[in-house]
Amino acid sequence: MGNPAAGQGVNGKIDLHSHSRASDGQYPAGEVAERASAAGVAVWALCDHDTVAGMDDAAAAAARLGLRLVPGIELSAFLERREIHLLGHFVDPAHPRLRAFEDFLALRRRERMERIVEKLGALGLRLRVEDIEKWSGGKTIGRPHVARALVELGAVATVKEAFDAYLGEGKPAYVQRYRLESDEAVRLVRAAGGTTTVAHPGVSKLERWDLERLRQAGVEGLEVYHVDHNPSVREKYLRIAEALDLVPTAGSDFHGEAVAPDRHLGDVSMPPHELERLEARRP
């Protein structure tokens, strides 16, 4: 099977999972493109959480750099009571249904942030939604931005501490997100012309029976090669992918050094023929 990190695309690596400042990444989309190109990535997917707001900047930078951009999105969804992440690849960023869903989620996210601010206030931590929004650059707002605001406030030293003390599930300022069911997420991606891949199944601790259900719902790919998967985990999910006819994909899940210091663009890659298989499954 070889080393997936050494797998080369036509002119370089294939990295189908990264984030920009449009969601919870450190850098603007154009700068992520520059960093991907500098890392030897030839085919790059921007998959911000629940938004395609960075796609225009990503496309402009990719064209300038000679980088092939795969338009994407990462959707948080539920498989019964378990939250999972699904990657939409090859989506049309301008598709009306995708745009409408993004607007709907933006409203739900702001309502969620208001409730988190209320809970933090009851704990003696005074924040405004505006204090959080400045960290999002006016884009998708989420708990990582609350965490950065808490660091700035001096309430915690790090983003991780903010989640461990206040924002993680079961912690005093946690508020449940909107529940998007996994089959609904797959339908949304397909409507926008894309394919759906299960992100970092090892991180989500998904087993074969979970993936069988997702395959039946229309999922086409499985992110086997993720930076947080060790060799034995990769081997486990590669076997499952082969058994279920899921395309094994690769993604660094890059967010930036200040957010996820151990995730670097191009740290994992995939064979070009697997990219072709995935693209061939577009509706």
C-alpha atoms as a PDB file:
ATOM      1  CA  MET A   1       0.000   0.000   0.000  1.00  0.00           C
ATOM      2  CA  GLY A   2       2.930   2.330   0.544  1.00  0.00           C
ATOM      3  CA  ASN A   3       3.114   5.505   2.538  1.00  0.00           C
ATOM      4  CA  PRO A   4      -0.020   7.594   2.026  1.00  0.00           C
ATOM      5  CA  ALA A   5       1.886  10.756   2.884  1.00  0.00           C
ATOM      6  CA  ALA A   6       4.071  10.136  -0.144  1.00  0.00           C
ATOM      7  CA  GLY A   7       1.200   9.510  -2.549  1.00  0.00           C
ATOM      8  CA  GLN A   8       1.469  11.916  -5.441  1.00  0.00           C
ATOM      9  CA  GLY A   9      -1.202  13.482  -7.596  1.00  0.00           C
ATOM     10  CA  VAL A  10      -0.463  14.448 -11.193  1.00  0.00           C
ATOM     11  CA  ASN A  11       2.010  17.098 -10.033  1.00  0.00           C
ATOM     12  CA  GLY A  12       1.923  16.717  -6.278  1.00  0.00           C
ATOM     13  CA  LYS A  13      -0.086  15.698  -3.253  1.00  0.00           C
ATOM     14  CA  ILE A  14      -3.854  15.517  -2.862  1.00  0.00           C
ATOM     15  CA  ASP A  15      -5.261  17.032   0.348  1.00  0.00           C
ATOM     16  CA  LEU A  16      -9.054  17.014   0.538  1.00  0.00           C
ATOM     17  CA  HIS A  17      -9.645  18.559   3.964  1.00  0.00           C
ATOM     18  CA  SER A  18      -8.610  22.001   5.207  1.00  0.00           C
ATOM     19  CA  HIS A  19     -10.140  25.043   6.871  1.00  0.00           C
ATOM     20  CA  SER A  20      -9.872  28.799   6.556  1.00  0.00           C
ATOM     21  CA  ARG A  21     -10.878  31.822   8.576  1.00  0.00           C
ATOM     22  CA  ALA A  22     -14.313  31.536   6.958  1.00  0.00           C
ATOM     23  CA  SER A  23     -14.994  29.005   9.732  1.00  0.00           C
ATOM     24  CA  ASP A  24     -12.525  28.095  12.485  1.00  0.00           C
ATOM     25  CA  GLY A  25      -9.223  28.210  10.624  1.00  0.00           C
ATOM     26  CA  GLN A  26      -6.379  30.626  11.336  1.00  0.00           C
ATOM     27  CA  TYR A  27      -5.749  31.960   7.832  1.00  0.00           C
ATOM     28  CA  PRO A  28      -7.820  33.521   5.036  1.00  0.00           C
ATOM     29  CA  ALA A  29      -8.681  31.082   2.258  1.00  0.00           C
ATOM     30  CA  GLY A  30      -6.205  32.632  -0.165  1.00  0.00           C
ATOM     31  CA  GLU A  31      -3.368  32.165   2.285  1.00  0.00           C
ATOM     32  CA  VAL A  32      -4.357  28.544   2.892  1.00  0.00           C
ATOM     33  CA  ALA A  33      -4.070  28.041  -0.875  1.00  0.00           C
ATOM     34  CA  GLU A  34      -0.589  29.572  -0.846  1.00  0.00           C
ATOM     35  CA  ARG A  35       0.489  27.339   2.012  1.00  0.00           C
ATOM     36  CA  ALA A  36      -0.944  24.275   0.285  1.00  0.00           C
ATOM     37  CA  SER A  37       0.986  25.056  -2.883  1.00  0.00           C
ATOM     38  CA  ALA A  38       4.193  25.648  -0.908  1.00  0.00           C
ATOM     39  CA  ALA A  39       3.705  22.249   0.775  1.00  0.00           C
ATOM     40  CA  GLY A  40       3.623  20.469  -2.579  1.00  0.00           C
ATOM     41  CA  VAL A  41      -0.140  20.024  -2.750  1.00  0.00           C
ATOM     42  CA  ALA A  42      -1.508  19.936  -6.306  1.00  0.00           C
ATOM     43  CA  VAL A  43      -5.170  19.134  -5.559  1.00  0.00           C
ATOM     44  CA  TRP A  44      -6.658  20.915  -2.574  1.00  0.00           C
ATOM     45  CA  ALA A  45     -10.110  20.993  -0.983  1.00  0.00           C
ATOM     46  CA  LEU A  46     -11.328  23.800   1.232  1.00  0.00           C
ATOM     47  CA  CYS A  47     -13.966  22.326   3.570  1.00  0.00           C
ATOM     48  CA  ASP A  48     -14.976  24.982   6.067  1.00  0.00           C
ATOM     49  CA  HIS A  49     -17.521  24.117   8.726  1.00  0.00           C
ATOM     50  CA  ASP A  50     -21.065  24.647   7.468  1.00  0.00           C
ATOM     51  CA  THR A  51     -20.069  27.384   4.995  1.00  0.00           C
ATOM     52  CA  VAL A  52     -18.656  27.997   1.520  1.00  0.00           C
ATOM     53  CA  ALA A  53     -18.006  31.673   2.261  1.00  0.00           C
ATOM     54  CA  GLY A  54     -14.278  31.378   1.548  1.00  0.00           C
ATOM     55  CA  MET A  55     -14.661  29.714  -1.834  1.00  0.00           C
ATOM     56  CA  ASP A  56     -14.345  32.798  -4.055  1.00  0.00           C
ATOM     57  CA  ASP A  57     -11.029  33.774  -2.453  1.00  0.00           C
ATOM     58  CA  ALA A  58      -9.887  30.153  -2.591  1.00  0.00           C
ATOM     59  CA  ALA A  59     -10.715  29.879  -6.290  1.00  0.00           C
ATOM     60  CA  ALA A  60      -8.912  33.105  -7.171  1.00  0.00           C
ATOM     61  CA  ALA A  61      -5.771  32.060  -5.289  1.00  0.00           C
ATOM     62  CA  ALA A  62      -5.850  28.532  -6.683  1.00  0.00           C
ATOM     63  CA  ALA A  63      -6.084  29.841 -10.256  1.00  0.00           C
ATOM     64  CA  ARG A  64      -3.134  32.157  -9.665  1.00  0.00           C
ATOM     65  CA  LEU A  65      -1.049  29.360  -8.143  1.00  0.00           C
ATOM     66  CA  GLY A  66      -1.944  26.640 -10.650  1.00  0.00           C
ATOM     67  CA  LEU A  67      -3.562  24.656  -7.847  1.00  0.00           C
ATOM     68  CA  ARG A  68      -6.621  22.514  -8.520  1.00  0.00           C
ATOM     69  CA  LEU A  69      -9.368  23.460  -6.073  1.00  0.00           C
ATOM     70  CA  VAL A  70     -12.053  20.971  -5.056  1.00  0.00           C
ATOM     71  CA  PRO A  71     -14.910  23.076  -3.614  1.00  0.00           C
ATOM     72  CA  GLY A  72     -16.041  21.555  -0.346  1.00  0.00           C
ATOM     73  CA  ILE A  73     -17.834  21.922   2.958  1.00  0.00           C
ATOM     74  CA  GLU A  74     -17.738  20.089   6.299  1.00  0.00           C
ATOM     75  CA  LEU A  75     -21.152  19.462   7.803  1.00  0.00           C
ATOM     76  CA  SER A  76     -21.739  18.547  11.426  1.00  0.00           C
ATOM     77  CA  ALA A  77     -24.464  15.920  11.456  1.00  0.00           C
ATOM     78  CA  PHE A  78     -25.968  13.264  13.689  1.00  0.00           C
ATOM     79  CA  LEU A  79     -26.071   9.509  13.283  1.00  0.00           C
ATOM     80  CA  GLU A  80     -28.734   8.719  15.861  1.00  0.00           C
ATOM     81  CA  ARG A  81     -27.336  10.384  19.019  1.00  0.00           C
ATOM     82  CA  ARG A  82     -23.739  10.575  17.849  1.00  0.00           C
ATOM     83  CA  GLU A  83     -22.344  13.699  16.237  1.00  0.00           C
ATOM     84  CA  ILE A  84     -20.221  13.032  13.164  1.00  0.00           C
ATOM     85  CA  HIS A  85     -18.621  15.177  10.470  1.00  0.00           C
ATOM     86  CA  LEU A  86     -19.315  14.741   6.775  1.00  0.00           C
ATOM     87  CA  LEU A  87     -17.261  16.279   3.972  1.00  0.00           C
ATOM     88  CA  GLY A  88     -18.998  17.438   0.825  1.00  0.00           C
ATOM     89  CA  HIS A  89     -16.611  17.505  -2.160  1.00  0.00           C
ATOM     90  CA  PHE A  90     -17.187  18.958  -5.656  1.00  0.00           C
ATOM     91  CA  VAL A  91     -20.168  20.992  -4.440  1.00  0.00           C
ATOM     92  CA  ASP A  92     -21.476  23.989  -6.367  1.00  0.00           C
ATOM     93  CA  PRO A  93     -20.844  26.865  -3.921  1.00  0.00           C
ATOM     94  CA  ALA A  94     -23.571  28.947  -5.561  1.00  0.00           C
ATOM     95  CA  HIS A  95     -26.281  26.284  -5.406  1.00  0.00           C
ATOM     96  CA  PRO A  96     -29.457  27.902  -3.985  1.00  0.00           C
ATOM     97  CA  ARG A  97     -30.223  25.038  -1.610  1.00  0.00           C
ATOM     98  CA  LEU A  98     -26.706  25.121  -0.180  1.00  0.00           C
ATOM     99  CA  ARG A  99     -26.818  28.899   0.224  1.00  0.00           C
ATOM    100  CA  ALA A 100     -30.233  28.761   1.903  1.00  0.00           C
ATOM    101  CA  PHE A 101     -29.013  26.116   4.327  1.00  0.00           C
ATOM    102  CA  GLU A 102     -25.921  28.192   5.108  1.00  0.00           C
ATOM    103  CA  ASP A 103     -28.107  31.217   5.909  1.00  0.00           C
ATOM    104  CA  PHE A 104     -30.352  29.081   8.113  1.00  0.00           C
ATOM    105  CA  LEU A 105     -27.365  27.699  10.026  1.00  0.00           C
ATOM    106  CA  ALA A 106     -25.859  31.159  10.470  1.00  0.00           C
ATOM    107  CA  LEU A 107     -29.038  32.249  12.259  1.00  0.00           C
ATOM    108  CA  ARG A 108     -29.051  29.131  14.445  1.00  0.00           C
ATOM    109  CA  ARG A 109     -25.353  29.663  15.268  1.00  0.00           C
ATOM    110  CA  ARG A 110     -25.923  33.231  16.386  1.00  0.00           C
ATOM    111  CA  GLU A 111     -28.791  32.120  18.625  1.00  0.00           C
ATOM    112  CA  ARG A 112     -26.492  29.460  20.072  1.00  0.00           C
ATOM    113  CA  MET A 113     -23.753  32.032  20.732  1.00  0.00           C
ATOM    114  CA  GLU A 114     -26.248  34.256  22.550  1.00  0.00           C
ATOM    115  CA  ARG A 115     -27.163  31.370  24.851  1.00  0.00           C
ATOM    116  CA  ILE A 116     -23.481  30.559  25.466  1.00  0.00           C
ATOM    117  CA  VAL A 117     -22.830  34.219  26.335  1.00  0.00           C
ATOM    118  CA  GLU A 118     -25.735  34.095  28.805  1.00  0.00           C
ATOM    119  CA  LYS A 119     -24.325  30.978  30.467  1.00  0.00           C
ATOM    120  CA  LEU A 120     -20.835  32.471  30.680  1.00  0.00           C
ATOM    121  CA  GLY A 121     -22.320  35.635  32.174  1.00  0.00           C
ATOM    122  CA  ALA A 122     -23.992  33.585  34.890  1.00  0.00           C
ATOM    123  CA  LEU A 123     -20.510  32.238  35.686  1.00  0.00           C
ATOM    124  CA  GLY A 124     -19.130  35.760  36.029  1.00  0.00           C
ATOM    125  CA  LEU A 125     -17.461  35.848  32.603  1.00  0.00           C
ATOM    126  CA  ARG A 126     -18.676  38.926  30.770  1.00  0.00           C
ATOM    127  CA  LEU A 127     -18.593  38.593  26.998  1.00  0.00           C
ATOM    128  CA  ARG A 128     -20.691  40.058  24.219  1.00  0.00           C
ATOM    129  CA  VAL A 129     -21.540  38.308  20.977  1.00  0.00           C
ATOM    130  CA  GLU A 130     -19.637  41.142  19.270  1.00  0.00           C
ATOM    131  CA  ASP A 131     -16.485  40.131  21.194  1.00  0.00           C
ATOM    132  CA  ILE A 132     -16.818  36.670  19.675  1.00  0.00           C
ATOM    133  CA  GLU A 133     -17.716  37.791  16.162  1.00  0.00           C
ATOM    134  CA  LYS A 134     -14.492  39.741  15.723  1.00  0.00           C
ATOM    135  CA  TRP A 135     -12.577  36.450  15.880  1.00  0.00           C
ATOM    136  CA  SER A 136     -14.684  34.997  13.074  1.00  0.00           C
ATOM    137  CA  GLY A 137     -13.966  37.829  10.659  1.00  0.00           C
ATOM    138  CA  GLY A 138     -17.698  38.174  10.105  1.00  0.00           C
ATOM    139  CA  LYS A 139     -17.909  34.586   8.836  1.00  0.00           C
ATOM    140  CA  THR A 140     -19.209  31.358  10.412  1.00  0.00           C
ATOM    141  CA  ILE A 141     -19.251  31.784  14.183  1.00  0.00           C
ATOM    142  CA  GLY A 142     -18.604  28.855  16.505  1.00  0.00           C
ATOM    143  CA  ARG A 143     -17.235  27.719  19.840  1.00  0.00           C
ATOM    144  CA  PRO A 144     -13.558  28.106  18.792  1.00  0.00           C
ATOM    145  CA  HIS A 145     -14.234  31.832  18.451  1.00  0.00           C
ATOM    146  CA  VAL A 146     -15.770  31.907  21.936  1.00  0.00           C
ATOM    147  CA  ALA A 147     -12.662  30.135  23.186  1.00  0.00           C
ATOM    148  CA  ARG A 148     -10.384  32.763  21.648  1.00  0.00           C
ATOM    149  CA  ALA A 149     -12.487  35.517  23.207  1.00  0.00           C
ATOM    150  CA  LEU A 150     -12.103  33.822  26.601  1.00  0.00           C
ATOM    151  CA  VAL A 151      -8.331  33.701  26.115  1.00  0.00           C
ATOM    152  CA  GLU A 152      -8.342  37.428  25.291  1.00  0.00           C
ATOM    153  CA  LEU A 153     -10.465  38.070  28.376  1.00  0.00           C
ATOM    154  CA  GLY A 154      -7.865  36.298  30.501  1.00  0.00           C
ATOM    155  CA  ALA A 155     -10.357  33.723  31.749  1.00  0.00           C
ATOM    156  CA  VAL A 156      -8.255  30.868  30.341  1.00  0.00           C
ATOM    157  CA  ALA A 157      -4.757  30.489  28.944  1.00  0.00           C
ATOM    158  CA  THR A 158      -5.546  28.408  25.859  1.00  0.00           C
ATOM    159  CA  VAL A 159      -8.362  27.435  23.519  1.00  0.00           C
ATOM    160  CA  LYS A 160      -8.147  23.868  24.838  1.00  0.00           C
ATOM    161  CA  GLU A 161      -8.574  25.090  28.406  1.00  0.00           C
ATOM    162  CA  ALA A 162     -11.676  27.027  27.345  1.00  0.00           C
ATOM    163  CA  PHE A 163     -13.250  23.854  25.974  1.00  0.00           C
ATOM    164  CA  ASP A 164     -12.162  21.741  28.941  1.00  0.00           C
ATOM    165  CA  ALA A 165     -13.499  24.221  31.489  1.00  0.00           C
ATOM    166  CA  TYR A 166     -16.538  25.819  29.832  1.00  0.00           C
ATOM    167  CA  LEU A 167     -17.414  24.979  26.232  1.00  0.00           C
ATOM    168  CA  GLY A 168     -17.062  21.218  25.792  1.00  0.00           C
ATOM    169  CA  GLU A 169     -20.048  18.903  25.920  1.00  0.00           C
ATOM    170  CA  GLY A 170     -21.248  18.575  29.506  1.00  0.00           C
ATOM    171  CA  LYS A 171     -19.412  21.728  30.620  1.00  0.00           C
ATOM    172  CA  PRO A 172     -21.260  24.657  32.237  1.00  0.00           C
ATOM    173  CA  ALA A 173     -21.503  26.892  29.142  1.00  0.00           C
ATOM    174  CA  TYR A 174     -22.202  24.155  26.591  1.00  0.00           C
ATOM    175  CA  VAL A 175     -25.222  24.594  24.314  1.00  0.00           C
ATOM    176  CA  GLN A 176     -26.341  21.870  21.907  1.00  0.00           C
ATOM    177  CA  ARG A 177     -26.017  22.763  18.210  1.00  0.00           C
ATOM    178  CA  TYR A 178     -28.778  22.419  15.619  1.00  0.00           C
ATOM    179  CA  ARG A 179     -29.323  18.739  14.791  1.00  0.00           C
ATOM    180  CA  LEU A 180     -28.759  17.995  11.122  1.00  0.00           C
ATOM    181  CA  GLU A 181     -29.394  14.300  10.522  1.00  0.00           C
ATOM    182  CA  SER A 182     -26.743  12.481   8.499  1.00  0.00           C
ATOM    183  CA  ASP A 183     -29.105  11.372   5.725  1.00  0.00           C
ATOM    184  CA  GLU A 184     -30.325  14.959   5.364  1.00  0.00           C
ATOM    185  CA  ALA A 185     -26.705  16.125   5.059  1.00  0.00           C
ATOM    186  CA  VAL A 186     -26.058  13.593   2.287  1.00  0.00           C
ATOM    187  CA  ARG A 187     -29.128  14.791   0.392  1.00  0.00           C
ATOM    188  CA  LEU A 188     -27.986  18.401   0.713  1.00  0.00           C
ATOM    189  CA  VAL A 189     -24.540  17.635  -0.691  1.00  0.00           C
ATOM    190  CA  ARG A 190     -25.989  15.618  -3.561  1.00  0.00           C
ATOM    191  CA  ALA A 191     -28.422  18.411  -4.383  1.00  0.00           C
ATOM    192  CA  ALA A 192     -25.415  20.745  -4.679  1.00  0.00           C
ATOM    193  CA  GLY A 193     -23.722  18.324  -7.088  1.00  0.00           C
ATOM    194  CA  GLY A 194     -21.241  16.845  -4.636  1.00  0.00           C
ATOM    195  CA  THR A 195     -20.121  13.590  -3.073  1.00  0.00           C
ATOM    196  CA  THR A 196     -20.161  12.889   0.669  1.00  0.00           C
ATOM    197  CA  THR A 197     -17.216  11.496   2.635  1.00  0.00           C
ATOM    198  CA  VAL A 198     -17.103  10.554   6.322  1.00  0.00           C
ATOM    199  CA  ALA A 199     -14.450  12.714   7.990  1.00  0.00           C
ATOM    200  CA  HIS A 200     -11.878  11.275  10.439  1.00  0.00           C
ATOM    201  CA  PRO A 201     -13.822   8.107  11.374  1.00  0.00           C
ATOM    202  CA  GLY A 202     -11.166   7.136  13.906  1.00  0.00           C
ATOM    203  CA  VAL A 203     -11.556  10.409  15.776  1.00  0.00           C
ATOM    204  CA  SER A 204     -15.329   9.880  15.768  1.00  0.00           C
ATOM    205  CA  LYS A 205     -14.826   6.231  16.815  1.00  0.00           C
ATOM    206  CA  LEU A 206     -17.072   4.907  14.062  1.00  0.00           C
ATOM    207  CA  GLU A 207     -17.379   1.162  13.582  1.00  0.00           C
ATOM    208  CA  ARG A 208     -18.259  -0.862  10.519  1.00  0.00           C
ATOM    209  CA  TRP A 209     -21.968  -0.979  11.332  1.00  0.00           C
ATOM    210  CA  ASP A 210     -22.048   2.828  11.588  1.00  0.00           C
ATOM    211  CA  LEU A 211     -20.375   3.114   8.205  1.00  0.00           C
ATOM    212  CA  GLU A 212     -22.724   0.538   6.691  1.00  0.00           C
ATOM    213  CA  ARG A 213     -25.651   2.761   7.654  1.00  0.00           C
ATOM    214  CA  LEU A 214     -23.963   5.817   6.190  1.00  0.00           C
ATOM    215  CA  ARG A 215     -23.159   3.941   2.993  1.00  0.00           C
ATOM    216  CA  GLN A 216     -26.828   3.006   2.686  1.00  0.00           C
ATOM    217  CA  ALA A 217     -27.687   6.698   3.120  1.00  0.00           C
ATOM    218  CA  GLY A 218     -25.532   7.547   0.107  1.00  0.00           C
ATOM    219  CA  VAL A 219     -22.091   8.315   1.520  1.00  0.00           C
ATOM    220  CA  GLU A 220     -19.397   7.677  -1.122  1.00  0.00           C
ATOM    221  CA  GLY A 221     -16.049   8.161   0.641  1.00  0.00           C
ATOM    222  CA  LEU A 222     -14.172   7.496   3.870  1.00  0.00           C
ATOM    223  CA  GLU A 223     -11.329   9.697   5.122  1.00  0.00           C
ATOM    224  CA  VAL A 224      -8.909   6.864   5.799  1.00  0.00           C
ATOM    225  CA  TYR A 225      -5.758   8.992   5.658  1.00  0.00           C
ATOM    226  CA  HIS A 226      -6.169  11.639   8.345  1.00  0.00           C
ATOM    227  CA  VAL A 227      -3.338  13.105  10.379  1.00  0.00           C
ATOM    228  CA  ASP A 228      -4.905  11.857  13.626  1.00  0.00           C
ATOM    229  CA  HIS A 229      -5.097   8.247  12.376  1.00  0.00           C
ATOM    230  CA  ASN A 230      -2.106   6.081  13.234  1.00  0.00           C
ATOM    231  CA  PRO A 231      -1.094   3.256  10.836  1.00  0.00           C
ATOM    232  CA  SER A 232      -3.269   0.624  12.515  1.00  0.00           C
ATOM    233  CA  VAL A 233      -6.318   2.909  12.424  1.00  0.00           C
ATOM    234  CA  ARG A 234      -5.679   3.670   8.759  1.00  0.00           C
ATOM    235  CA  GLU A 235      -5.424  -0.040   8.005  1.00  0.00           C
ATOM    236  CA  LYS A 236      -8.684  -0.738   9.846  1.00  0.00           C
ATOM    237  CA  TYR A 237     -10.619   1.859   7.871  1.00  0.00           C
ATOM    238  CA  LEU A 238      -8.966   0.966   4.587  1.00  0.00           C
ATOM    239  CA  ARG A 239     -10.287  -2.588   4.994  1.00  0.00           C
ATOM    240  CA  ILE A 240     -13.760  -1.256   5.777  1.00  0.00           C
ATOM    241  CA  ALA A 241     -13.629   1.101   2.792  1.00  0.00           C
ATOM    242  CA  GLU A 242     -12.744  -1.780   0.490  1.00  0.00           C
ATOM    243  CA  ALA A 243     -15.513  -3.971   1.921  1.00  0.00           C
ATOM    244  CA  LEU A 244     -18.184  -1.269   1.613  1.00  0.00           C
ATOM    245  CA  ASP A 245     -17.019   0.193  -1.714  1.00  0.00           C
ATOM    246  CA  LEU A 246     -16.183   3.536  -0.112  1.00  0.00           C
ATOM    247  CA  VAL A 247     -13.469   5.638  -1.743  1.00  0.00           C
ATOM    248  CA  PRO A 248     -10.532   6.073   0.694  1.00  0.00           C
ATOM    249  CA  THR A 249      -9.611   9.757   0.857  1.00  0.00           C
ATOM    250  CA  ALA A 250      -6.892  11.829   2.511  1.00  0.00           C
ATOM    251  CA  GLY A 251      -7.129  15.080   4.448  1.00  0.00           C
ATOM    252  CA  SER A 252      -4.768  16.991   6.709  1.00  0.00           C
ATOM    253  CA  ASP A 253      -7.679  18.774   8.447  1.00  0.00           C
ATOM    254  CA  PHE A 254      -5.431  21.832   8.475  1.00  0.00           C
ATOM    255  CA  HIS A 255      -6.633  24.741  10.624  1.00  0.00           C
ATOM    256  CA  GLY A 256      -3.383  26.628  11.246  1.00  0.00           C
ATOM    257  CA  GLU A 257      -0.621  26.327  13.814  1.00  0.00           C
ATOM    258  CA  ALA A 258      -2.407  28.434  16.432  1.00  0.00           C
ATOM    259  CA  VAL A 259      -5.508  26.214  16.260  1.00  0.00           C
ATOM    260  CA  ALA A 260      -4.190  22.705  15.523  1.00  0.00           C
ATOM    261  CA  PRO A 261      -0.371  22.732  15.652  1.00  0.00           C
ATOM    262  CA  ASP A 262       0.048  19.066  14.685  1.00  0.00           C
ATOM    263  CA  ARG A 263      -1.904  19.271  11.411  1.00  0.00           C
ATOM    264  CA  HIS A 264       0.028  20.395   8.341  1.00  0.00           C
ATOM    265  CA  LEU A 265      -1.083  20.720   4.735  1.00  0.00           C
ATOM    266  CA  GLY A 266       0.095  17.807   2.635  1.00  0.00           C
ATOM    267  CA  ASP A 267       0.974  15.599   5.605  1.00  0.00           C
ATOM    268  CA  VAL A 268      -1.244  12.926   4.049  1.00  0.00           C
ATOM    269  CA  SER A 269      -2.163  12.238   0.444  1.00  0.00           C
ATOM    270  CA  MET A 270      -4.006   9.734  -1.727  1.00  0.00           C
ATOM    271  CA  PRO A 271      -3.501   8.125  -5.145  1.00  0.00           C
ATOM    272  CA  PRO A 272      -4.875  10.085  -8.121  1.00  0.00           C
ATOM    273  CA  HIS A 273      -7.052   7.169  -9.219  1.00  0.00           C
ATOM    274  CA  GLU A 274      -8.977   7.358  -5.928  1.00  0.00           C
ATOM    275  CA  LEU A 275      -9.680  11.037  -6.572  1.00  0.00           C
ATOM    276  CA  GLU A 276     -10.978  10.060 -10.005  1.00  0.00           C
ATOM    277  CA  ARG A 277     -13.188   7.376  -8.425  1.00  0.00           C
ATOM    278  CA  LEU A 278     -14.650   9.909  -6.014  1.00  0.00           C
ATOM    279  CA  GLU A 279     -15.303  12.493  -8.705  1.00  0.00           C
ATOM    280  CA  ALA A 280     -16.942   9.866 -10.906  1.00  0.00           C
ATOM    281  CA  ARG A 281     -19.570   9.354  -8.197  1.00  0.00           C
ATOM    282  CA  ARG A 282     -20.913  12.881  -8.471  1.00  0.00           C
ATOM    283  CA  PRO A 283     -24.665  12.862  -9.171  1.00  0.00           C
END
